[in-house]
């Protein structure tokens, strides 16, 4: 698995759902090594408390899907800069 994004859980969960709609499996995992929440498999999860929405997570995609995920997420926006 290859690192694709790091940010708040709420954004990571939305990104995971967006990638899945394009046929790319993604996994969420805590960004902090001492995180109490384990990796979230494809399909997302619901946060237990409001504070969970701000916890930092990493989004991982497979090595094979990384170029396509990068192209879908970043390429279209390069012209906007």
PDB file of N, CA and C in Angstrom:
ATOM      1  N   UNK A   1       0.841  -1.176   0.000  1.00  0.00           N
ATOM      2  CA  UNK A   1       0.000   0.000   0.000  1.00  0.00           C
ATOM      3  C   UNK A   1       0.892   1.248   0.000  1.00  0.00           C
ATOM      4  N   UNK A   2       0.423   2.267  -0.671  1.00  0.00           N
ATOM      5  CA  UNK A   2       1.197   3.508  -0.805  1.00  0.00           C
ATOM      6  C   UNK A   2       0.399   4.680  -0.235  1.00  0.00           C
ATOM      7  N   UNK A   3       1.110   5.558   0.466  1.00  0.00           N
ATOM      8  CA  UNK A   3       0.484   6.735   1.073  1.00  0.00           C
ATOM      9  C   UNK A   3      -0.043   7.662  -0.017  1.00  0.00           C
ATOM     10  N   UNK A   4      -1.314   8.098   0.145  1.00  0.00           N
ATOM     11  CA  UNK A   4      -1.926   8.980  -0.836  1.00  0.00           C
ATOM     12  C   UNK A   4      -2.306  10.332  -0.251  1.00  0.00           C
ATOM     13  N   UNK A   5      -2.743  10.370   1.007  1.00  0.00           N
ATOM     14  CA  UNK A   5      -3.238  11.612   1.608  1.00  0.00           C
ATOM     15  C   UNK A   5      -3.146  11.508   3.116  1.00  0.00           C
ATOM     16  N   UNK A   6      -2.854  12.631   3.775  1.00  0.00           N
ATOM     17  CA  UNK A   6      -2.912  12.732   5.228  1.00  0.00           C
ATOM     18  C   UNK A   6      -3.737  13.957   5.574  1.00  0.00           C
ATOM     19  N   UNK A   7      -4.680  13.793   6.482  1.00  0.00           N
ATOM     20  CA  UNK A   7      -5.522  14.914   6.879  1.00  0.00           C
ATOM     21  C   UNK A   7      -6.553  14.490   7.900  1.00  0.00           C
ATOM     22  N   UNK A   8      -7.526  15.361   8.197  1.00  0.00           N
ATOM     23  CA  UNK A   8      -8.559  15.041   9.174  1.00  0.00           C
ATOM     24  C   UNK A   8      -9.398  13.846   8.715  1.00  0.00           C
ATOM     25  N   UNK A   9      -9.912  13.096   9.674  1.00  0.00           N
ATOM     26  CA  UNK A   9     -10.690  11.901   9.383  1.00  0.00           C
ATOM     27  C   UNK A   9     -11.831  12.198   8.419  1.00  0.00           C
ATOM     28  N   UNK A  10     -12.530  13.293   8.619  1.00  0.00           N
ATOM     29  CA  UNK A  10     -13.696  13.595   7.795  1.00  0.00           C
ATOM     30  C   UNK A  10     -13.308  13.730   6.319  1.00  0.00           C
ATOM     31  N   UNK A  11     -12.180  14.361   6.042  1.00  0.00           N
ATOM     32  CA  UNK A  11     -11.719  14.487   4.649  1.00  0.00           C
ATOM     33  C   UNK A  11     -11.225  13.148   4.120  1.00  0.00           C
ATOM     34  N   UNK A  12     -10.531  12.401   4.962  1.00  0.00           N
ATOM     35  CA  UNK A  12     -10.044  11.081   4.550  1.00  0.00           C
ATOM     36  C   UNK A  12     -11.179  10.131   4.224  1.00  0.00           C
ATOM     37  N   UNK A  13     -12.239  10.185   5.030  1.00  0.00           N
ATOM     38  CA  UNK A  13     -13.385   9.320   4.798  1.00  0.00           C
ATOM     39  C   UNK A  13     -14.080   9.690   3.482  1.00  0.00           C
ATOM     40  N   UNK A  14     -14.218  10.978   3.217  1.00  0.00           N
ATOM     41  CA  UNK A  14     -14.816  11.419   1.952  1.00  0.00           C
ATOM     42  C   UNK A  14     -13.947  11.008   0.767  1.00  0.00           C
ATOM     43  N   UNK A  15     -12.631  11.144   0.913  1.00  0.00           N
ATOM     44  CA  UNK A  15     -11.714  10.750  -0.154  1.00  0.00           C
ATOM     45  C   UNK A  15     -11.801   9.252  -0.403  1.00  0.00           C
ATOM     46  N   UNK A  16     -11.884   8.473   0.671  1.00  0.00           N
ATOM     47  CA  UNK A  16     -12.004   7.026   0.538  1.00  0.00           C
ATOM     48  C   UNK A  16     -13.276   6.671  -0.247  1.00  0.00           C
ATOM     49  N   UNK A  17     -14.389   7.298   0.081  1.00  0.00           N
ATOM     50  CA  UNK A  17     -15.649   7.039  -0.621  1.00  0.00           C
ATOM     51  C   UNK A  17     -15.544   7.461  -2.089  1.00  0.00           C
ATOM     52  N   UNK A  18     -14.907   8.602  -2.351  1.00  0.00           N
ATOM     53  CA  UNK A  18     -14.749   9.102  -3.719  1.00  0.00           C
ATOM     54  C   UNK A  18     -13.897   8.144  -4.549  1.00  0.00           C
ATOM     55  N   UNK A  19     -12.802   7.670  -3.951  1.00  0.00           N
ATOM     56  CA  UNK A  19     -11.944   6.721  -4.667  1.00  0.00           C
ATOM     57  C   UNK A  19     -12.692   5.433  -4.973  1.00  0.00           C
ATOM     58  N   UNK A  20     -13.502   4.953  -4.011  1.00  0.00           N
ATOM     59  CA  UNK A  20     -14.261   3.724  -4.223  1.00  0.00           C
ATOM     60  C   UNK A  20     -15.253   3.874  -5.377  1.00  0.00           C
ATOM     61  N   UNK A  21     -15.840   5.067  -5.528  1.00  0.00           N
ATOM     62  CA  UNK A  21     -16.770   5.291  -6.640  1.00  0.00           C
ATOM     63  C   UNK A  21     -16.064   5.175  -7.981  1.00  0.00           C
ATOM     64  N   UNK A  22     -14.750   5.353  -7.977  1.00  0.00           N
ATOM     65  CA  UNK A  22     -13.955   5.221  -9.194  1.00  0.00           C
ATOM     66  C   UNK A  22     -13.265   3.857  -9.270  1.00  0.00           C
ATOM     67  N   UNK A  23     -13.653   2.921  -8.413  1.00  0.00           N
ATOM     68  CA  UNK A  23     -13.115   1.570  -8.445  1.00  0.00           C
ATOM     69  C   UNK A  23     -11.744   1.400  -7.839  1.00  0.00           C
ATOM     70  N   UNK A  24     -11.339   2.311  -6.954  1.00  0.00           N
ATOM     71  CA  UNK A  24     -10.022   2.236  -6.319  1.00  0.00           C
ATOM     72  C   UNK A  24     -10.208   1.984  -4.826  1.00  0.00           C
ATOM     73  N   UNK A  25      -9.712   0.856  -4.356  1.00  0.00           N
ATOM     74  CA  UNK A  25      -9.813   0.517  -2.934  1.00  0.00           C
ATOM     75  C   UNK A  25      -8.835   1.366  -2.138  1.00  0.00           C
ATOM     76  N   UNK A  26      -9.308   1.915  -1.018  1.00  0.00           N
ATOM     77  CA  UNK A  26      -8.462   2.748  -0.159  1.00  0.00           C
ATOM     78  C   UNK A  26      -8.663   2.331   1.292  1.00  0.00           C
ATOM     79  N   UNK A  27      -7.618   2.495   2.094  1.00  0.00           N
ATOM     80  CA  UNK A  27      -7.662   2.158   3.514  1.00  0.00           C
ATOM     81  C   UNK A  27      -7.310   3.400   4.316  1.00  0.00           C
ATOM     82  N   UNK A  28      -8.050   3.626   5.408  1.00  0.00           N
ATOM     83  CA  UNK A  28      -7.735   4.704   6.349  1.00  0.00           C
ATOM     84  C   UNK A  28      -6.997   4.102   7.524  1.00  0.00           C
ATOM     85  N   UNK A  29      -5.950   4.799   7.989  1.00  0.00           N
ATOM     86  CA  UNK A  29      -5.256   4.369   9.197  1.00  0.00           C
ATOM     87  C   UNK A  29      -4.854   5.602   9.978  1.00  0.00           C
ATOM     88  N   UNK A  30      -4.727   5.477  11.306  1.00  0.00           N
ATOM     89  CA  UNK A  30      -4.318   6.637  12.112  1.00  0.00           C
ATOM     90  C   UNK A  30      -2.938   7.127  11.684  1.00  0.00           C
ATOM     91  N   UNK A  31      -2.764   8.434  11.641  1.00  0.00           N
ATOM     92  CA  UNK A  31      -1.462   9.000  11.276  1.00  0.00           C
ATOM     93  C   UNK A  31      -0.497   8.933  12.445  1.00  0.00           C
ATOM     94  N   UNK A  32      -1.023   8.993  13.672  1.00  0.00           N
ATOM     95  CA  UNK A  32      -0.176   8.918  14.854  1.00  0.00           C
ATOM     96  C   UNK A  32       0.113   7.454  15.159  1.00  0.00           C
ATOM     97  N   UNK A  33       1.364   7.114  15.434  1.00  0.00           N
ATOM     98  CA  UNK A  33       1.700   5.717  15.702  1.00  0.00           C
ATOM     99  C   UNK A  33       0.999   5.147  16.928  1.00  0.00           C
ATOM    100  N   UNK A  34       0.596   6.010  17.866  1.00  0.00           N
ATOM    101  CA  UNK A  34      -0.076   5.530  19.076  1.00  0.00           C
ATOM    102  C   UNK A  34      -1.590   5.623  18.958  1.00  0.00           C
ATOM    103  N   UNK A  35      -2.107   5.796  17.736  1.00  0.00           N
ATOM    104  CA  UNK A  35      -3.549   5.910  17.521  1.00  0.00           C
ATOM    105  C   UNK A  35      -4.273   4.675  18.031  1.00  0.00           C
ATOM    106  N   UNK A  36      -5.410   4.886  18.644  1.00  0.00           N
ATOM    107  CA  UNK A  36      -6.146   3.772  19.215  1.00  0.00           C
ATOM    108  C   UNK A  36      -7.051   3.095  18.203  1.00  0.00           C
ATOM    109  N   UNK A  37      -7.260   3.718  17.068  1.00  0.00           N
ATOM    110  CA  UNK A  37      -8.129   3.155  16.043  1.00  0.00           C
ATOM    111  C   UNK A  37      -7.283   2.442  15.014  1.00  0.00           C
ATOM    112  N   UNK A  38      -7.649   1.220  14.697  1.00  0.00           N
ATOM    113  CA  UNK A  38      -6.911   0.451  13.712  1.00  0.00           C
ATOM    114  C   UNK A  38      -7.275   0.878  12.304  1.00  0.00           C
ATOM    115  N   UNK A  39      -6.621   0.300  11.296  1.00  0.00           N
ATOM    116  CA  UNK A  39      -6.942   0.639   9.910  1.00  0.00           C
ATOM    117  C   UNK A  39      -8.411   0.391   9.603  1.00  0.00           C
ATOM    118  N   UNK A  40      -8.999   1.248   8.793  1.00  0.00           N
ATOM    119  CA  UNK A  40     -10.390   1.113   8.382  1.00  0.00           C
ATOM    120  C   UNK A  40     -10.411   0.530   6.983  1.00  0.00           C
ATOM    121  N   UNK A  41     -10.963  -0.676   6.825  1.00  0.00           N
ATOM    122  CA  UNK A  41     -11.005  -1.267   5.494  1.00  0.00           C
ATOM    123  C   UNK A  41     -11.945  -0.499   4.579  1.00  0.00           C
ATOM    124  N   UNK A  42     -11.911  -0.840   3.319  1.00  0.00           N
ATOM    125  CA  UNK A  42     -12.789  -0.215   2.338  1.00  0.00           C
ATOM    126  C   UNK A  42     -14.223  -0.254   2.838  1.00  0.00           C
ATOM    127  N   UNK A  43     -14.924   0.843   2.665  1.00  0.00           N
ATOM    128  CA  UNK A  43     -16.309   0.916   3.097  1.00  0.00           C
ATOM    129  C   UNK A  43     -16.521   1.973   4.152  1.00  0.00           C
ATOM    130  N   UNK A  44     -15.461   2.506   4.706  1.00  0.00           N
ATOM    131  CA  UNK A  44     -15.562   3.593   5.667  1.00  0.00           C
ATOM    132  C   UNK A  44     -16.078   3.143   7.015  1.00  0.00           C
ATOM    133  N   UNK A  45     -16.165   4.079   7.921  1.00  0.00           N
ATOM    134  CA  UNK A  45     -16.654   3.837   9.275  1.00  0.00           C
ATOM    135  C   UNK A  45     -17.245   5.123   9.792  1.00  0.00           C
ATOM    136  N   UNK A  46     -18.036   5.006  10.815  1.00  0.00           N
ATOM    137  CA  UNK A  46     -18.657   6.179  11.416  1.00  0.00           C
ATOM    138  C   UNK A  46     -17.882   6.549  12.667  1.00  0.00           C
ATOM    139  N   UNK A  47     -17.555   7.816  12.814  1.00  0.00           N
ATOM    140  CA  UNK A  47     -16.828   8.273  13.996  1.00  0.00           C
ATOM    141  C   UNK A  47     -17.732   8.184  15.216  1.00  0.00           C
ATOM    142  N   UNK A  48     -17.161   7.778  16.354  1.00  0.00           N
ATOM    143  CA  UNK A  48     -17.935   7.629  17.585  1.00  0.00           C
ATOM    144  C   UNK A  48     -18.234   8.965  18.242  1.00  0.00           C
ATOM    145  N   UNK A  49     -17.339   9.907  18.140  1.00  0.00           N
ATOM    146  CA  UNK A  49     -17.517  11.200  18.784  1.00  0.00           C
ATOM    147  C   UNK A  49     -17.130  12.307  17.816  1.00  0.00           C
ATOM    148  N   UNK A  50     -17.594  13.515  18.095  1.00  0.00           N
ATOM    149  CA  UNK A  50     -17.280  14.659  17.236  1.00  0.00           C
ATOM    150  C   UNK A  50     -15.780  14.861  17.120  1.00  0.00           C
ATOM    151  N   UNK A  51     -15.034  14.662  18.207  1.00  0.00           N
ATOM    152  CA  UNK A  51     -13.587  14.861  18.176  1.00  0.00           C
ATOM    153  C   UNK A  51     -12.920  13.915  17.177  1.00  0.00           C
ATOM    154  N   UNK A  52     -13.541  12.779  16.924  1.00  0.00           N
ATOM    155  CA  UNK A  52     -12.970  11.825  15.986  1.00  0.00           C
ATOM    156  C   UNK A  52     -12.895  12.386  14.572  1.00  0.00           C
ATOM    157  N   UNK A  53     -13.758  13.353  14.250  1.00  0.00           N
ATOM    158  CA  UNK A  53     -13.762  13.924  12.908  1.00  0.00           C
ATOM    159  C   UNK A  53     -12.486  14.699  12.609  1.00  0.00           C
ATOM    160  N   UNK A  54     -11.801  15.167  13.646  1.00  0.00           N
ATOM    161  CA  UNK A  54     -10.578  15.938  13.463  1.00  0.00           C
ATOM    162  C   UNK A  54      -9.305  15.126  13.646  1.00  0.00           C
ATOM    163  N   UNK A  55      -9.408  13.868  14.046  1.00  0.00           N
ATOM    164  CA  UNK A  55      -8.179  13.084  14.237  1.00  0.00           C
ATOM    165  C   UNK A  55      -7.506  12.901  12.880  1.00  0.00           C
ATOM    166  N   UNK A  56      -6.207  12.883  12.876  1.00  0.00           N
ATOM    167  CA  UNK A  56      -5.446  12.795  11.637  1.00  0.00           C
ATOM    168  C   UNK A  56      -5.327  11.340  11.196  1.00  0.00           C
ATOM    169  N   UNK A  57      -5.650  11.116   9.927  1.00  0.00           N
ATOM    170  CA  UNK A  57      -5.543   9.779   9.340  1.00  0.00           C
ATOM    171  C   UNK A  57      -4.756   9.848   8.047  1.00  0.00           C
ATOM    172  N   UNK A  58      -4.304   8.693   7.623  1.00  0.00           N
ATOM    173  CA  UNK A  58      -3.638   8.563   6.332  1.00  0.00           C
ATOM    174  C   UNK A  58      -4.524   7.715   5.429  1.00  0.00           C
ATOM    175  N   UNK A  59      -4.587   8.070   4.165  1.00  0.00           N
ATOM    176  CA  UNK A  59      -5.310   7.279   3.168  1.00  0.00           C
ATOM    177  C   UNK A  59      -4.265   6.536   2.347  1.00  0.00           C
ATOM    178  N   UNK A  60      -4.425   5.234   2.260  1.00  0.00           N
ATOM    179  CA  UNK A  60      -3.498   4.395   1.515  1.00  0.00           C
ATOM    180  C   UNK A  60      -4.215   3.754   0.341  1.00  0.00           C
ATOM    181  N   UNK A  61      -3.545   3.665  -0.791  1.00  0.00           N
ATOM    182  CA  UNK A  61      -4.057   2.953  -1.955  1.00  0.00           C
ATOM    183  C   UNK A  61      -2.977   1.977  -2.419  1.00  0.00           C
ATOM    184  N   UNK A  62      -3.372   0.987  -3.203  1.00  0.00           N
ATOM    185  CA  UNK A  62      -2.392   0.008  -3.671  1.00  0.00           C
ATOM    186  C   UNK A  62      -1.417   0.661  -4.648  1.00  0.00           C
ATOM    187  N   UNK A  63      -0.248   0.067  -4.752  1.00  0.00           N
ATOM    188  CA  UNK A  63       0.766   0.573  -5.691  1.00  0.00           C
ATOM    189  C   UNK A  63       0.214   0.608  -7.112  1.00  0.00           C
ATOM    190  N   UNK A  64      -0.562  -0.408  -7.474  1.00  0.00           N
ATOM    191  CA  UNK A  64      -1.100  -0.490  -8.836  1.00  0.00           C
ATOM    192  C   UNK A  64      -2.129   0.608  -9.110  1.00  0.00           C
ATOM    193  N   UNK A  65      -2.899   1.001  -8.090  1.00  0.00           N
ATOM    194  CA  UNK A  65      -3.942   2.012  -8.265  1.00  0.00           C
ATOM    195  C   UNK A  65      -3.443   3.438  -8.048  1.00  0.00           C
ATOM    196  N   UNK A  66      -2.248   3.598  -7.505  1.00  0.00           N
ATOM    197  CA  UNK A  66      -1.766   4.935  -7.154  1.00  0.00           C
ATOM    198  C   UNK A  66      -1.718   5.890  -8.353  1.00  0.00           C
ATOM    199  N   UNK A  67      -1.144   5.516  -9.507  1.00  0.00           N
ATOM    200  CA  UNK A  67      -1.101   6.468 -10.633  1.00  0.00           C
ATOM    201  C   UNK A  67      -2.499   6.930 -11.066  1.00  0.00           C
ATOM    202  N   UNK A  68      -3.450   6.012 -11.099  1.00  0.00           N
ATOM    203  CA  UNK A  68      -4.817   6.377 -11.492  1.00  0.00           C
ATOM    204  C   UNK A  68      -5.464   7.281 -10.446  1.00  0.00           C
ATOM    205  N   UNK A  69      -5.288   6.960  -9.161  1.00  0.00           N
ATOM    206  CA  UNK A  69      -5.843   7.795  -8.095  1.00  0.00           C
ATOM    207  C   UNK A  69      -5.239   9.196  -8.149  1.00  0.00           C
ATOM    208  N   UNK A  70      -3.934   9.278  -8.354  1.00  0.00           N
ATOM    209  CA  UNK A  70      -3.258  10.571  -8.440  1.00  0.00           C
ATOM    210  C   UNK A  70      -3.794  11.373  -9.623  1.00  0.00           C
ATOM    211  N   UNK A  71      -3.950  10.709 -10.765  1.00  0.00           N
ATOM    212  CA  UNK A  71      -4.453  11.395 -11.955  1.00  0.00           C
ATOM    213  C   UNK A  71      -5.879  11.896 -11.736  1.00  0.00           C
ATOM    214  N   UNK A  72      -6.730  11.083 -11.121  1.00  0.00           N
ATOM    215  CA  UNK A  72      -8.111  11.489 -10.871  1.00  0.00           C
ATOM    216  C   UNK A  72      -8.202  12.659  -9.900  1.00  0.00           C
ATOM    217  N   UNK A  73      -7.367  12.620  -8.875  1.00  0.00           N
ATOM    218  CA  UNK A  73      -7.479  13.607  -7.811  1.00  0.00           C
ATOM    219  C   UNK A  73      -6.724  14.898  -8.100  1.00  0.00           C
ATOM    220  N   UNK A  74      -5.538  14.806  -8.716  1.00  0.00           N
ATOM    221  CA  UNK A  74      -4.690  15.983  -8.870  1.00  0.00           C
ATOM    222  C   UNK A  74      -4.636  16.555 -10.289  1.00  0.00           C
ATOM    223  N   UNK A  75      -4.639  15.724 -11.319  1.00  0.00           N
ATOM    224  CA  UNK A  75      -4.421  16.185 -12.680  1.00  0.00           C
ATOM    225  C   UNK A  75      -5.443  17.221 -13.121  1.00  0.00           C
ATOM    226  N   UNK A  76      -6.714  16.991 -12.835  1.00  0.00           N
ATOM    227  CA  UNK A  76      -7.750  17.928 -13.261  1.00  0.00           C
ATOM    228  C   UNK A  76      -7.574  19.299 -12.640  1.00  0.00           C
ATOM    229  N   UNK A  77      -6.963  19.370 -11.474  1.00  0.00           N
ATOM    230  CA  UNK A  77      -6.843  20.615 -10.741  1.00  0.00           C
ATOM    231  C   UNK A  77      -5.560  21.385 -11.058  1.00  0.00           C
ATOM    232  N   UNK A  78      -4.627  20.769 -11.741  1.00  0.00           N
ATOM    233  CA  UNK A  78      -3.373  21.451 -12.048  1.00  0.00           C
ATOM    234  C   UNK A  78      -3.606  22.695 -12.891  1.00  0.00           C
ATOM    235  N   UNK A  79      -4.606  22.698 -13.762  1.00  0.00           N
ATOM    236  CA  UNK A  79      -4.906  23.842 -14.586  1.00  0.00           C
ATOM    237  C   UNK A  79      -5.534  24.989 -13.805  1.00  0.00           C
ATOM    238  N   UNK A  80      -6.051  24.709 -12.598  1.00  0.00           N
ATOM    239  CA  UNK A  80      -6.702  25.740 -11.792  1.00  0.00           C
ATOM    240  C   UNK A  80      -5.693  26.588 -11.028  1.00  0.00           C
ATOM    241  N   UNK A  81      -4.460  26.111 -10.910  1.00  0.00           N
ATOM    242  CA  UNK A  81      -3.466  26.837 -10.124  1.00  0.00           C
ATOM    243  C   UNK A  81      -2.930  28.045 -10.802  1.00  0.00           C
TER     244      UNK A  81
END
